């Protein structure tokens, strides 16, 4: 399994199981933000590895955050 697939799978389970908790932050929001951070890091790692210099747009990040909530 490639790095992107593993990252996407971890994001899925973070959003589904909500393993992270903080008393002052909503659990859904916290886990969605952690999943987005993991996803973007996996994409940027893959783009560095393949010498493909791409940037993820803010609009895409906002849409992804909305869909993970």
C-alpha atoms as a PDB file:
ATOM      1  CA  UNK A   1       0.000   0.000   0.000  1.00  0.00           C
ATOM      2  CA  UNK A   2       1.370   3.403  -0.935  1.00  0.00           C
ATOM      3  CA  UNK A   3       1.902   6.357   1.361  1.00  0.00           C
ATOM      4  CA  UNK A   4      -1.115   8.226   0.011  1.00  0.00           C
ATOM      5  CA  UNK A   5      -3.404   5.252   0.559  1.00  0.00           C
ATOM      6  CA  UNK A   6      -2.121   4.749   4.101  1.00  0.00           C
ATOM      7  CA  UNK A   7      -2.588   8.437   4.873  1.00  0.00           C
ATOM      8  CA  UNK A   8      -6.123   8.422   3.500  1.00  0.00           C
ATOM      9  CA  UNK A   9      -6.950   5.295   5.494  1.00  0.00           C
ATOM     10  CA  UNK A  10      -5.658   6.846   8.711  1.00  0.00           C
ATOM     11  CA  UNK A  11      -7.709   9.986   8.016  1.00  0.00           C
ATOM     12  CA  UNK A  12     -10.804   7.848   7.532  1.00  0.00           C
ATOM     13  CA  UNK A  13     -10.361   6.092  10.882  1.00  0.00           C
ATOM     14  CA  UNK A  14      -9.584   9.322  12.721  1.00  0.00           C
ATOM     15  CA  UNK A  15     -12.805  10.876  11.474  1.00  0.00           C
ATOM     16  CA  UNK A  16     -14.830   7.716  12.073  1.00  0.00           C
ATOM     17  CA  UNK A  17     -13.605   6.774  15.573  1.00  0.00           C
ATOM     18  CA  UNK A  18     -12.845  10.238  17.034  1.00  0.00           C
ATOM     19  CA  UNK A  19      -9.837   9.042  19.063  1.00  0.00           C
ATOM     20  CA  UNK A  20      -8.697  12.543  20.080  1.00  0.00           C
ATOM     21  CA  UNK A  21     -10.423  14.589  22.755  1.00  0.00           C
ATOM     22  CA  UNK A  22      -9.938  18.001  24.331  1.00  0.00           C
ATOM     23  CA  UNK A  23     -12.430  19.467  26.823  1.00  0.00           C
ATOM     24  CA  UNK A  24     -12.475  22.930  25.213  1.00  0.00           C
ATOM     25  CA  UNK A  25     -12.748  21.837  21.564  1.00  0.00           C
ATOM     26  CA  UNK A  26     -15.574  19.940  19.903  1.00  0.00           C
ATOM     27  CA  UNK A  27     -14.438  16.374  19.228  1.00  0.00           C
ATOM     28  CA  UNK A  28     -15.685  16.398  15.614  1.00  0.00           C
ATOM     29  CA  UNK A  29     -13.813  19.597  14.822  1.00  0.00           C
ATOM     30  CA  UNK A  30     -10.601  18.476  16.510  1.00  0.00           C
ATOM     31  CA  UNK A  31     -10.507  15.118  14.757  1.00  0.00           C
ATOM     32  CA  UNK A  32     -11.381  16.657  11.379  1.00  0.00           C
ATOM     33  CA  UNK A  33      -8.520  19.148  11.709  1.00  0.00           C
ATOM     34  CA  UNK A  34      -6.084  16.404  12.694  1.00  0.00           C
ATOM     35  CA  UNK A  35      -7.202  14.321   9.698  1.00  0.00           C
ATOM     36  CA  UNK A  36      -6.735  17.303   7.367  1.00  0.00           C
ATOM     37  CA  UNK A  37      -3.262  17.926   8.763  1.00  0.00           C
ATOM     38  CA  UNK A  38      -2.336  14.294   8.217  1.00  0.00           C
ATOM     39  CA  UNK A  39      -3.788  14.316   4.702  1.00  0.00           C
ATOM     40  CA  UNK A  40      -1.968  17.475   3.622  1.00  0.00           C
ATOM     41  CA  UNK A  41       1.311  16.208   5.063  1.00  0.00           C
ATOM     42  CA  UNK A  42       0.937  12.944   3.134  1.00  0.00           C
ATOM     43  CA  UNK A  43       0.202  14.798  -0.106  1.00  0.00           C
ATOM     44  CA  UNK A  44       3.139  17.176   0.319  1.00  0.00           C
ATOM     45  CA  UNK A  45       5.445  14.291   1.225  1.00  0.00           C
ATOM     46  CA  UNK A  46       4.388  12.460  -1.935  1.00  0.00           C
ATOM     47  CA  UNK A  47       4.813  15.579  -4.075  1.00  0.00           C
ATOM     48  CA  UNK A  48       8.344  16.112  -2.703  1.00  0.00           C
ATOM     49  CA  UNK A  49       9.206  12.480  -3.324  1.00  0.00           C
ATOM     50  CA  UNK A  50       8.011  12.620  -6.935  1.00  0.00           C
ATOM     51  CA  UNK A  51       9.477  16.110  -7.567  1.00  0.00           C
ATOM     52  CA  UNK A  52       5.998  17.373  -8.411  1.00  0.00           C
ATOM     53  CA  UNK A  53       5.641  20.830  -6.862  1.00  0.00           C
ATOM     54  CA  UNK A  54       1.911  21.276  -6.290  1.00  0.00           C
ATOM     55  CA  UNK A  55       0.010  23.361  -3.734  1.00  0.00           C
ATOM     56  CA  UNK A  56      -3.344  22.450  -2.191  1.00  0.00           C
ATOM     57  CA  UNK A  57      -5.776  25.328  -2.509  1.00  0.00           C
ATOM     58  CA  UNK A  58      -7.469  26.870   0.518  1.00  0.00           C
ATOM     59  CA  UNK A  59     -10.844  26.283  -1.123  1.00  0.00           C
ATOM     60  CA  UNK A  60     -10.144  22.545  -1.300  1.00  0.00           C
ATOM     61  CA  UNK A  61      -9.055  22.469   2.367  1.00  0.00           C
ATOM     62  CA  UNK A  62     -12.265  24.265   3.408  1.00  0.00           C
ATOM     63  CA  UNK A  63     -14.398  21.868   1.370  1.00  0.00           C
ATOM     64  CA  UNK A  64     -12.558  18.871   2.825  1.00  0.00           C
ATOM     65  CA  UNK A  65     -13.030  20.182   6.360  1.00  0.00           C
ATOM     66  CA  UNK A  66     -16.761  20.663   5.727  1.00  0.00           C
ATOM     67  CA  UNK A  67     -17.106  17.126   4.361  1.00  0.00           C
ATOM     68  CA  UNK A  68     -15.234  15.583   7.306  1.00  0.00           C
ATOM     69  CA  UNK A  69     -17.513  17.185   9.887  1.00  0.00           C
END
